[in-house]
């Protein structure tokens, strides 16, 4: 009984995750959406300046 429940639960969660991924509009587009687009949803890192000492 527990084994069936565990299999049903995990496969159900994977099905929900796959369903949500298929429904995403940004996965259907290629390339940048503009200069403000960042990699993996992160903010772009600020460039570090090296000061002459």
PDB file of N, CA and C in Angstrom:
ATOM      1  N   UNK A   1       0.824  -1.202   0.000  1.00  0.00           N
ATOM      2  CA  UNK A   1       0.000   0.000   0.000  1.00  0.00           C
ATOM      3  C   UNK A   1       0.863   1.258   0.000  1.00  0.00           C
ATOM      4  N   UNK A   2       1.871   1.286   0.885  1.00  0.00           N
ATOM      5  CA  UNK A   2       2.746   2.458   0.970  1.00  0.00           C
ATOM      6  C   UNK A   2       3.540   2.619  -0.328  1.00  0.00           C
ATOM      7  N   UNK A   3       4.002   1.500  -0.895  1.00  0.00           N
ATOM      8  CA  UNK A   3       4.764   1.577  -2.139  1.00  0.00           C
ATOM      9  C   UNK A   3       3.922   2.160  -3.266  1.00  0.00           C
ATOM     10  N   UNK A   4       2.686   1.769  -3.345  1.00  0.00           N
ATOM     11  CA  UNK A   4       1.797   2.312  -4.379  1.00  0.00           C
ATOM     12  C   UNK A   4       1.561   3.800  -4.160  1.00  0.00           C
ATOM     13  N   UNK A   5       1.382   4.182  -2.906  1.00  0.00           N
ATOM     14  CA  UNK A   5       1.172   5.595  -2.593  1.00  0.00           C
ATOM     15  C   UNK A   5       2.406   6.419  -2.942  1.00  0.00           C
ATOM     16  N   UNK A   6       3.587   5.914  -2.602  1.00  0.00           N
ATOM     17  CA  UNK A   6       4.825   6.636  -2.889  1.00  0.00           C
ATOM     18  C   UNK A   6       5.017   6.796  -4.394  1.00  0.00           C
ATOM     19  N   UNK A   7       4.756   5.745  -5.148  1.00  0.00           N
ATOM     20  CA  UNK A   7       4.883   5.830  -6.604  1.00  0.00           C
ATOM     21  C   UNK A   7       3.872   6.802  -7.196  1.00  0.00           C
ATOM     22  N   UNK A   8       2.645   6.733  -6.722  1.00  0.00           N
ATOM     23  CA  UNK A   8       1.607   7.633  -7.219  1.00  0.00           C
ATOM     24  C   UNK A   8       1.940   9.090  -6.885  1.00  0.00           C
ATOM     25  N   UNK A   9       2.408   9.322  -5.676  1.00  0.00           N
ATOM     26  CA  UNK A   9       2.737  10.685  -5.256  1.00  0.00           C
ATOM     27  C   UNK A   9       3.888  11.262  -6.078  1.00  0.00           C
ATOM     28  N   UNK A  10       4.984  10.520  -6.203  1.00  0.00           N
ATOM     29  CA  UNK A  10       6.145  11.045  -6.926  1.00  0.00           C
ATOM     30  C   UNK A  10       5.852  11.229  -8.411  1.00  0.00           C
ATOM     31  N   UNK A  11       5.163  10.278  -9.013  1.00  0.00           N
ATOM     32  CA  UNK A  11       4.840  10.413 -10.430  1.00  0.00           C
ATOM     33  C   UNK A  11       3.818  11.520 -10.663  1.00  0.00           C
ATOM     34  N   UNK A  12       2.924  11.696  -9.733  1.00  0.00           N
ATOM     35  CA  UNK A  12       1.971  12.803  -9.837  1.00  0.00           C
ATOM     36  C   UNK A  12       2.666  14.151  -9.767  1.00  0.00           C
ATOM     37  N   UNK A  13       3.637  14.272  -8.859  1.00  0.00           N
ATOM     38  CA  UNK A  13       4.383  15.529  -8.754  1.00  0.00           C
ATOM     39  C   UNK A  13       5.212  15.791 -10.006  1.00  0.00           C
ATOM     40  N   UNK A  14       5.807  14.743 -10.571  1.00  0.00           N
ATOM     41  CA  UNK A  14       6.560  14.921 -11.817  1.00  0.00           C
ATOM     42  C   UNK A  14       5.639  15.312 -12.966  1.00  0.00           C
ATOM     43  N   UNK A  15       4.442  14.772 -12.992  1.00  0.00           N
ATOM     44  CA  UNK A  15       3.471  15.130 -14.021  1.00  0.00           C
ATOM     45  C   UNK A  15       3.063  16.598 -13.897  1.00  0.00           C
ATOM     46  N   UNK A  16       2.852  17.061 -12.680  1.00  0.00           N
ATOM     47  CA  UNK A  16       2.506  18.471 -12.461  1.00  0.00           C
ATOM     48  C   UNK A  16       3.655  19.374 -12.893  1.00  0.00           C
ATOM     49  N   UNK A  17       4.900  18.992 -12.551  1.00  0.00           N
ATOM     50  CA  UNK A  17       6.059  19.794 -12.944  1.00  0.00           C
ATOM     51  C   UNK A  17       6.196  19.847 -14.463  1.00  0.00           C
ATOM     52  N   UNK A  18       6.025  18.718 -15.129  1.00  0.00           N
ATOM     53  CA  UNK A  18       6.118  18.689 -16.592  1.00  0.00           C
ATOM     54  C   UNK A  18       5.009  19.520 -17.219  1.00  0.00           C
ATOM     55  N   UNK A  19       3.816  19.448 -16.673  1.00  0.00           N
ATOM     56  CA  UNK A  19       2.674  20.219 -17.184  1.00  0.00           C
ATOM     57  C   UNK A  19       2.953  21.711 -17.075  1.00  0.00           C
ATOM     58  N   UNK A  20       3.536  22.132 -15.946  1.00  0.00           N
ATOM     59  CA  UNK A  20       3.839  23.551 -15.759  1.00  0.00           C
ATOM     60  C   UNK A  20       4.964  24.003 -16.689  1.00  0.00           C
ATOM     61  N   UNK A  21       5.943  23.135 -16.942  1.00  0.00           N
ATOM     62  CA  UNK A  21       7.025  23.486 -17.858  1.00  0.00           C
ATOM     63  C   UNK A  21       6.522  23.624 -19.287  1.00  0.00           C
ATOM     64  N   UNK A  22       5.635  22.755 -19.700  1.00  0.00           N
ATOM     65  CA  UNK A  22       5.098  22.807 -21.061  1.00  0.00           C
ATOM     66  C   UNK A  22       4.296  24.085 -21.265  1.00  0.00           C
ATOM     67  N   UNK A  23       3.650  24.567 -20.232  1.00  0.00           N
ATOM     68  CA  UNK A  23       2.809  25.749 -20.352  1.00  0.00           C
ATOM     69  C   UNK A  23       3.549  27.071 -20.311  1.00  0.00           C
ATOM     70  N   UNK A  24       4.864  27.054 -20.079  1.00  0.00           N
ATOM     71  CA  UNK A  24       5.617  28.310 -19.991  1.00  0.00           C
ATOM     72  C   UNK A  24       5.847  28.899 -21.372  1.00  0.00           C
ATOM     73  N   UNK A  25       5.545  30.175 -21.514  1.00  0.00           N
ATOM     74  CA  UNK A  25       5.714  30.846 -22.807  1.00  0.00           C
ATOM     75  C   UNK A  25       7.177  31.163 -23.100  1.00  0.00           C
ATOM     76  N   UNK A  26       7.987  31.421 -22.072  1.00  0.00           N
ATOM     77  CA  UNK A  26       9.372  31.803 -22.317  1.00  0.00           C
ATOM     78  C   UNK A  26      10.220  30.636 -22.822  1.00  0.00           C
ATOM     79  N   UNK A  27       9.757  29.422 -22.709  1.00  0.00           N
ATOM     80  CA  UNK A  27      10.495  28.287 -23.250  1.00  0.00           C
ATOM     81  C   UNK A  27      10.292  28.140 -24.745  1.00  0.00           C
ATOM     82  N   UNK A  28       9.332  28.872 -25.294  1.00  0.00           N
ATOM     83  CA  UNK A  28       9.023  28.783 -26.714  1.00  0.00           C
ATOM     84  C   UNK A  28       9.747  29.860 -27.523  1.00  0.00           C
ATOM     85  N   UNK A  29      10.525  30.715 -26.872  1.00  0.00           N
ATOM     86  CA  UNK A  29      11.210  31.810 -27.550  1.00  0.00           C
ATOM     87  C   UNK A  29      12.706  31.572 -27.520  1.00  0.00           C
ATOM     88  N   UNK A  30      13.381  32.042 -28.568  1.00  0.00           N
ATOM     89  CA  UNK A  30      14.827  31.907 -28.641  1.00  0.00           C
ATOM     90  C   UNK A  30      15.472  33.272 -28.535  1.00  0.00           C
ATOM     91  N   UNK A  31      16.676  33.303 -28.009  1.00  0.00           N
ATOM     92  CA  UNK A  31      17.442  34.538 -27.957  1.00  0.00           C
ATOM     93  C   UNK A  31      17.076  35.421 -26.784  1.00  0.00           C
ATOM     94  N   UNK A  32      17.808  36.543 -26.699  1.00  0.00           N
ATOM     95  CA  UNK A  32      17.573  37.520 -25.644  1.00  0.00           C
ATOM     96  C   UNK A  32      16.294  38.287 -25.900  1.00  0.00           C
ATOM     97  N   UNK A  33      15.684  38.736 -24.829  1.00  0.00           N
ATOM     98  CA  UNK A  33      14.500  39.575 -24.960  1.00  0.00           C
ATOM     99  C   UNK A  33      14.872  41.039 -24.848  1.00  0.00           C
ATOM    100  N   UNK A  34      16.137  41.333 -24.674  1.00  0.00           N
ATOM    101  CA  UNK A  34      16.588  42.714 -24.579  1.00  0.00           C
ATOM    102  C   UNK A  34      17.819  42.812 -23.702  1.00  0.00           C
ATOM    103  N   UNK A  35      18.325  44.026 -23.522  1.00  0.00           N
ATOM    104  CA  UNK A  35      19.547  44.190 -22.739  1.00  0.00           C
ATOM    105  C   UNK A  35      19.350  43.900 -21.260  1.00  0.00           C
ATOM    106  N   UNK A  36      18.125  43.959 -20.772  1.00  0.00           N
ATOM    107  CA  UNK A  36      17.880  43.717 -19.355  1.00  0.00           C
ATOM    108  C   UNK A  36      17.721  42.232 -19.045  1.00  0.00           C
ATOM    109  N   UNK A  37      17.768  41.388 -20.058  1.00  0.00           N
ATOM    110  CA  UNK A  37      17.594  39.951 -19.817  1.00  0.00           C
ATOM    111  C   UNK A  37      18.810  39.411 -19.084  1.00  0.00           C
ATOM    112  N   UNK A  38      18.569  38.590 -18.107  1.00  0.00           N
ATOM    113  CA  UNK A  38      19.666  38.035 -17.329  1.00  0.00           C
ATOM    114  C   UNK A  38      19.672  36.520 -17.457  1.00  0.00           C
ATOM    115  N   UNK A  39      20.804  35.933 -17.129  1.00  0.00           N
ATOM    116  CA  UNK A  39      20.935  34.485 -17.197  1.00  0.00           C
ATOM    117  C   UNK A  39      20.284  33.839 -15.990  1.00  0.00           C
ATOM    118  N   UNK A  40      19.487  32.850 -16.211  1.00  0.00           N
ATOM    119  CA  UNK A  40      18.897  32.019 -15.165  1.00  0.00           C
ATOM    120  C   UNK A  40      18.113  32.831 -14.148  1.00  0.00           C
ATOM    121  N   UNK A  41      17.535  33.936 -14.556  1.00  0.00           N
ATOM    122  CA  UNK A  41      16.699  34.703 -13.654  1.00  0.00           C
ATOM    123  C   UNK A  41      17.462  35.509 -12.627  1.00  0.00           C
ATOM    124  N   UNK A  42      18.770  35.593 -12.752  1.00  0.00           N
ATOM    125  CA  UNK A  42      19.575  36.343 -11.791  1.00  0.00           C
ATOM    126  C   UNK A  42      19.785  37.759 -12.285  1.00  0.00           C
ATOM    127  N   UNK A  43      20.070  38.641 -11.355  1.00  0.00           N
ATOM    128  CA  UNK A  43      20.409  40.003 -11.733  1.00  0.00           C
ATOM    129  C   UNK A  43      21.817  40.009 -12.322  1.00  0.00           C
ATOM    130  N   UNK A  44      22.066  40.871 -13.312  1.00  0.00           N
ATOM    131  CA  UNK A  44      23.421  40.933 -13.867  1.00  0.00           C
ATOM    132  C   UNK A  44      24.393  41.470 -12.823  1.00  0.00           C
ATOM    133  N   UNK A  45      25.577  40.884 -12.803  1.00  0.00           N
ATOM    134  CA  UNK A  45      26.579  41.306 -11.824  1.00  0.00           C
ATOM    135  C   UNK A  45      27.206  42.623 -12.259  1.00  0.00           C
ATOM    136  N   UNK A  46      27.502  43.463 -11.296  1.00  0.00           N
ATOM    137  CA  UNK A  46      28.162  44.728 -11.586  1.00  0.00           C
ATOM    138  C   UNK A  46      29.626  44.452 -11.916  1.00  0.00           C
ATOM    139  N   UNK A  47      30.156  45.200 -12.873  1.00  0.00           N
ATOM    140  CA  UNK A  47      31.557  45.035 -13.227  1.00  0.00           C
ATOM    141  C   UNK A  47      32.418  45.664 -12.138  1.00  0.00           C
ATOM    142  N   UNK A  48      33.477  44.956 -11.778  1.00  0.00           N
ATOM    143  CA  UNK A  48      34.366  45.458 -10.740  1.00  0.00           C
ATOM    144  C   UNK A  48      35.475  46.275 -11.374  1.00  0.00           C
ATOM    145  N   UNK A  49      35.762  47.399 -10.772  1.00  0.00           N
ATOM    146  CA  UNK A  49      36.857  48.237 -11.250  1.00  0.00           C
ATOM    147  C   UNK A  49      38.068  48.024 -10.366  1.00  0.00           C
ATOM    148  N   UNK A  50      39.209  47.971 -10.998  1.00  0.00           N
ATOM    149  CA  UNK A  50      40.453  47.870 -10.248  1.00  0.00           C
ATOM    150  C   UNK A  50      41.051  49.268 -10.147  1.00  0.00           C
ATOM    151  N   UNK A  51      41.201  49.741  -8.937  1.00  0.00           N
ATOM    152  CA  UNK A  51      41.788  51.063  -8.722  1.00  0.00           C
ATOM    153  C   UNK A  51      43.302  50.945  -8.684  1.00  0.00           C
ATOM    154  N   UNK A  52      43.977  51.923  -9.301  1.00  0.00           N
ATOM    155  CA  UNK A  52      45.440  51.957  -9.249  1.00  0.00           C
ATOM    156  C   UNK A  52      45.858  52.404  -7.857  1.00  0.00           C
ATOM    157  N   UNK A  53      46.723  51.629  -7.239  1.00  0.00           N
ATOM    158  CA  UNK A  53      47.143  51.954  -5.866  1.00  0.00           C
ATOM    159  C   UNK A  53      48.407  52.768  -5.858  1.00  0.00           C
TER     160      UNK A  53
END
